[in-house]
């Protein structure tokens, strides 16, 4: 191995091996979300981009409110509120 084979890079690195690794890392992060959406909507033939957009919108709608409704103490724990 040459010294050029060892380096630390970031997502700006354009070396083919790094680009492939970055692609694989990104896919491993989004694949569970994509597969979950495909199970929720099995009859839709959505593109990958649209599937991820719908997933993001659904997650945004599930966000915890700023004030915890059961105890009104701003704990932001929602369903896991200890004061329920």
N, C-alpha and C. Protein backbone atom coordinates (compact mmCIF):
# COMPACT_ATOMS: atom_id res chain seq x y z
N UNK A 1 0.83 -1.19 0.00
CA UNK A 1 0.00 0.00 0.00
C UNK A 1 0.87 1.25 0.00
N UNK A 2 0.38 2.24 -0.66
CA UNK A 2 1.09 3.51 -0.71
C UNK A 2 0.53 4.44 0.36
N UNK A 3 1.27 5.50 0.62
CA UNK A 3 0.79 6.45 1.61
C UNK A 3 -0.48 7.17 1.13
N UNK A 4 -0.72 7.21 -0.19
CA UNK A 4 -1.92 7.86 -0.70
C UNK A 4 -3.19 7.06 -0.38
N UNK A 5 -3.02 5.77 -0.03
CA UNK A 5 -4.16 4.93 0.27
C UNK A 5 -4.76 5.24 1.65
N UNK A 6 -4.01 5.95 2.46
CA UNK A 6 -4.49 6.30 3.80
C UNK A 6 -4.78 7.80 3.84
N UNK A 7 -5.97 8.13 4.20
CA UNK A 7 -6.29 9.54 4.40
C UNK A 7 -7.60 9.63 5.16
N UNK A 8 -7.81 10.76 5.76
CA UNK A 8 -9.11 11.01 6.39
C UNK A 8 -9.80 12.04 5.51
N UNK A 9 -11.03 11.76 5.20
CA UNK A 9 -11.72 12.66 4.28
C UNK A 9 -13.07 13.03 4.86
N UNK A 10 -13.72 13.94 4.18
CA UNK A 10 -15.08 14.32 4.55
C UNK A 10 -15.94 14.13 3.32
N UNK A 11 -17.16 14.61 3.39
CA UNK A 11 -18.07 14.39 2.26
C UNK A 11 -17.72 15.22 1.04
N UNK A 12 -16.70 16.01 1.11
CA UNK A 12 -16.26 16.75 -0.06
C UNK A 12 -15.22 15.99 -0.88
N UNK A 13 -14.77 14.86 -0.36
CA UNK A 13 -13.74 14.08 -1.04
C UNK A 13 -14.32 13.46 -2.32
N UNK A 14 -13.57 13.57 -3.40
CA UNK A 14 -14.04 13.08 -4.70
C UNK A 14 -13.36 11.79 -5.14
N UNK A 15 -12.57 11.16 -4.27
CA UNK A 15 -11.93 9.90 -4.66
C UNK A 15 -13.02 8.86 -4.87
N UNK A 16 -12.91 8.06 -5.92
CA UNK A 16 -13.97 7.08 -6.22
C UNK A 16 -14.30 6.15 -5.06
N UNK A 17 -13.32 5.67 -4.34
CA UNK A 17 -13.60 4.77 -3.22
C UNK A 17 -14.36 5.50 -2.11
N UNK A 18 -14.03 6.76 -1.89
CA UNK A 18 -14.71 7.54 -0.85
C UNK A 18 -16.15 7.87 -1.27
N UNK A 19 -16.33 8.20 -2.53
CA UNK A 19 -17.67 8.49 -3.02
C UNK A 19 -18.56 7.25 -2.88
N UNK A 20 -18.02 6.09 -3.20
CA UNK A 20 -18.79 4.84 -3.06
C UNK A 20 -19.11 4.58 -1.59
N UNK A 21 -18.15 4.79 -0.71
CA UNK A 21 -18.38 4.58 0.72
C UNK A 21 -19.44 5.55 1.25
N UNK A 22 -19.36 6.79 0.82
CA UNK A 22 -20.33 7.79 1.24
C UNK A 22 -21.73 7.42 0.75
N UNK A 23 -21.82 6.96 -0.49
CA UNK A 23 -23.11 6.53 -1.03
C UNK A 23 -23.68 5.38 -0.23
N UNK A 24 -22.85 4.39 0.07
CA UNK A 24 -23.30 3.24 0.84
C UNK A 24 -23.72 3.63 2.25
N UNK A 25 -22.99 4.54 2.86
CA UNK A 25 -23.32 5.01 4.21
C UNK A 25 -24.66 5.74 4.20
N UNK A 26 -24.86 6.60 3.22
CA UNK A 26 -26.12 7.33 3.12
C UNK A 26 -27.28 6.38 2.88
N UNK A 27 -27.10 5.40 2.00
CA UNK A 27 -28.17 4.44 1.72
C UNK A 27 -28.51 3.63 2.97
N UNK A 28 -27.52 3.26 3.76
CA UNK A 28 -27.80 2.49 4.98
C UNK A 28 -28.59 3.32 5.98
N UNK A 29 -28.48 4.64 5.92
CA UNK A 29 -29.25 5.50 6.82
C UNK A 29 -30.70 5.68 6.35
N UNK A 30 -30.92 5.79 5.06
CA UNK A 30 -32.27 6.07 4.56
C UNK A 30 -33.06 4.83 4.18
N UNK A 31 -32.39 3.70 4.02
CA UNK A 31 -33.07 2.48 3.60
C UNK A 31 -34.19 2.06 4.56
N UNK A 32 -33.98 2.09 5.89
CA UNK A 32 -35.08 1.72 6.79
C UNK A 32 -36.31 2.62 6.65
N UNK A 33 -36.08 3.90 6.43
CA UNK A 33 -37.20 4.83 6.24
C UNK A 33 -37.93 4.50 4.95
N UNK A 34 -37.18 4.29 3.89
CA UNK A 34 -37.77 3.97 2.59
C UNK A 34 -38.57 2.67 2.66
N UNK A 35 -38.01 1.64 3.29
CA UNK A 35 -38.71 0.36 3.38
C UNK A 35 -39.96 0.46 4.24
N UNK A 36 -39.91 1.25 5.31
CA UNK A 36 -41.08 1.44 6.16
C UNK A 36 -42.20 2.13 5.38
N UNK A 37 -41.86 3.12 4.58
CA UNK A 37 -42.87 3.81 3.78
C UNK A 37 -43.45 2.87 2.72
N UNK A 38 -42.63 2.01 2.15
CA UNK A 38 -43.13 1.06 1.15
C UNK A 38 -44.10 0.07 1.79
N UNK A 39 -43.87 -0.30 3.06
CA UNK A 39 -44.79 -1.19 3.76
C UNK A 39 -46.09 -0.48 4.10
N UNK A 40 -46.01 0.81 4.44
CA UNK A 40 -47.22 1.57 4.76
C UNK A 40 -48.07 1.83 3.52
N UNK A 41 -47.43 2.01 2.39
CA UNK A 41 -48.12 2.33 1.13
C UNK A 41 -47.70 1.33 0.05
N UNK A 42 -48.07 0.05 0.18
CA UNK A 42 -47.56 -0.97 -0.75
C UNK A 42 -48.06 -0.82 -2.18
N UNK A 43 -49.20 -0.19 -2.39
CA UNK A 43 -49.76 -0.09 -3.74
C UNK A 43 -49.28 1.13 -4.51
N UNK A 44 -48.60 2.05 -3.84
CA UNK A 44 -48.12 3.24 -4.52
C UNK A 44 -46.78 2.97 -5.19
N UNK A 45 -46.63 3.52 -6.37
CA UNK A 45 -45.37 3.38 -7.11
C UNK A 45 -44.66 4.72 -7.12
N UNK A 46 -44.39 5.21 -5.92
CA UNK A 46 -43.75 6.51 -5.77
C UNK A 46 -42.27 6.42 -6.11
N UNK A 47 -41.72 7.54 -6.54
CA UNK A 47 -40.28 7.61 -6.73
C UNK A 47 -39.62 7.66 -5.36
N UNK A 48 -38.33 7.41 -5.33
CA UNK A 48 -37.60 7.47 -4.07
C UNK A 48 -37.71 8.85 -3.44
N UNK A 49 -37.53 9.88 -4.25
CA UNK A 49 -37.60 11.25 -3.74
C UNK A 49 -38.95 11.58 -3.14
N UNK A 50 -40.02 11.19 -3.81
CA UNK A 50 -41.36 11.48 -3.30
C UNK A 50 -41.64 10.67 -2.04
N UNK A 51 -41.18 9.43 -2.00
CA UNK A 51 -41.36 8.59 -0.82
C UNK A 51 -40.69 9.24 0.39
N UNK A 52 -39.48 9.75 0.22
CA UNK A 52 -38.78 10.39 1.33
C UNK A 52 -39.45 11.70 1.72
N UNK A 53 -40.02 12.42 0.74
CA UNK A 53 -40.72 13.66 1.04
C UNK A 53 -41.96 13.38 1.89
N UNK A 54 -42.72 12.35 1.53
CA UNK A 54 -43.91 11.98 2.30
C UNK A 54 -43.51 11.54 3.71
N UNK A 55 -42.42 10.79 3.82
CA UNK A 55 -41.94 10.35 5.13
C UNK A 55 -41.57 11.56 5.99
N UNK A 56 -40.89 12.53 5.41
CA UNK A 56 -40.50 13.73 6.16
C UNK A 56 -41.73 14.51 6.62
N UNK A 57 -42.74 14.63 5.75
CA UNK A 57 -43.96 15.34 6.12
C UNK A 57 -44.69 14.62 7.25
N UNK A 58 -44.75 13.29 7.19
CA UNK A 58 -45.41 12.53 8.25
C UNK A 58 -44.66 12.66 9.57
N UNK A 59 -43.35 12.63 9.51
CA UNK A 59 -42.57 12.79 10.74
C UNK A 59 -42.75 14.19 11.33
N UNK A 60 -42.84 15.19 10.46
CA UNK A 60 -43.04 16.55 10.94
C UNK A 60 -44.40 16.67 11.64
N UNK A 61 -45.41 16.01 11.09
CA UNK A 61 -46.74 16.06 11.69
C UNK A 61 -46.80 15.31 13.02
N UNK A 62 -45.85 14.41 13.26
CA UNK A 62 -45.83 13.65 14.50
C UNK A 62 -45.01 14.35 15.59
N UNK A 63 -44.47 15.52 15.30
CA UNK A 63 -43.59 16.18 16.26
C UNK A 63 -44.31 16.47 17.57
N UNK A 64 -43.54 16.50 18.63
CA UNK A 64 -44.08 16.74 19.97
C UNK A 64 -44.37 18.23 20.12
N UNK A 65 -45.51 18.60 20.66
CA UNK A 65 -45.83 20.01 20.84
C UNK A 65 -44.87 20.68 21.82
N UNK A 66 -44.78 21.99 21.76
CA UNK A 66 -43.87 22.74 22.62
C UNK A 66 -44.25 22.62 24.09
N UNK A 67 -45.52 22.46 24.37
CA UNK A 67 -45.97 22.31 25.74
C UNK A 67 -46.56 20.91 25.92
N UNK A 68 -46.18 20.26 26.97
CA UNK A 68 -46.69 18.92 27.25
C UNK A 68 -48.14 19.05 27.73
N UNK A 69 -49.13 18.58 26.96
CA UNK A 69 -50.53 18.77 27.33
C UNK A 69 -50.93 18.19 28.69
N UNK A 70 -50.47 17.00 29.10
CA UNK A 70 -50.96 16.47 30.37
C UNK A 70 -50.57 17.30 31.58
N UNK A 71 -49.37 17.83 31.61
CA UNK A 71 -48.93 18.52 32.82
C UNK A 71 -48.61 20.00 32.60
N UNK A 72 -48.54 20.43 31.33
CA UNK A 72 -48.30 21.83 30.99
C UNK A 72 -47.01 22.37 31.61
N UNK A 73 -45.99 21.54 31.68
CA UNK A 73 -44.73 22.00 32.28
C UNK A 73 -43.57 22.10 31.29
N UNK A 74 -43.86 22.10 30.02
CA UNK A 74 -42.86 22.25 28.97
C UNK A 74 -41.78 21.16 29.01
N UNK A 75 -42.14 19.94 29.41
CA UNK A 75 -41.14 18.87 29.48
C UNK A 75 -40.85 18.27 28.11
N UNK A 76 -41.67 18.48 27.12
CA UNK A 76 -41.50 18.01 25.74
C UNK A 76 -41.36 16.49 25.66
N UNK A 77 -41.91 15.76 26.59
CA UNK A 77 -41.80 14.31 26.53
C UNK A 77 -43.04 13.66 25.95
N UNK A 78 -44.08 14.41 25.70
CA UNK A 78 -45.26 13.89 25.03
C UNK A 78 -45.81 12.65 25.67
N UNK A 79 -45.86 11.55 24.90
CA UNK A 79 -46.43 10.29 25.40
C UNK A 79 -45.67 9.73 26.59
N UNK A 80 -44.40 10.05 26.72
CA UNK A 80 -43.59 9.53 27.81
C UNK A 80 -43.58 10.45 29.03
N UNK A 81 -44.52 11.36 29.09
CA UNK A 81 -44.57 12.32 30.20
C UNK A 81 -44.69 11.58 31.53
N UNK A 82 -43.82 11.87 32.49
CA UNK A 82 -43.87 11.19 33.77
C UNK A 82 -45.06 11.62 34.62
N UNK A 83 -45.71 12.71 34.29
CA UNK A 83 -46.82 13.23 35.10
C UNK A 83 -48.19 12.82 34.58
N UNK A 84 -48.26 11.87 33.67
CA UNK A 84 -49.55 11.43 33.13
C UNK A 84 -50.32 10.67 34.17
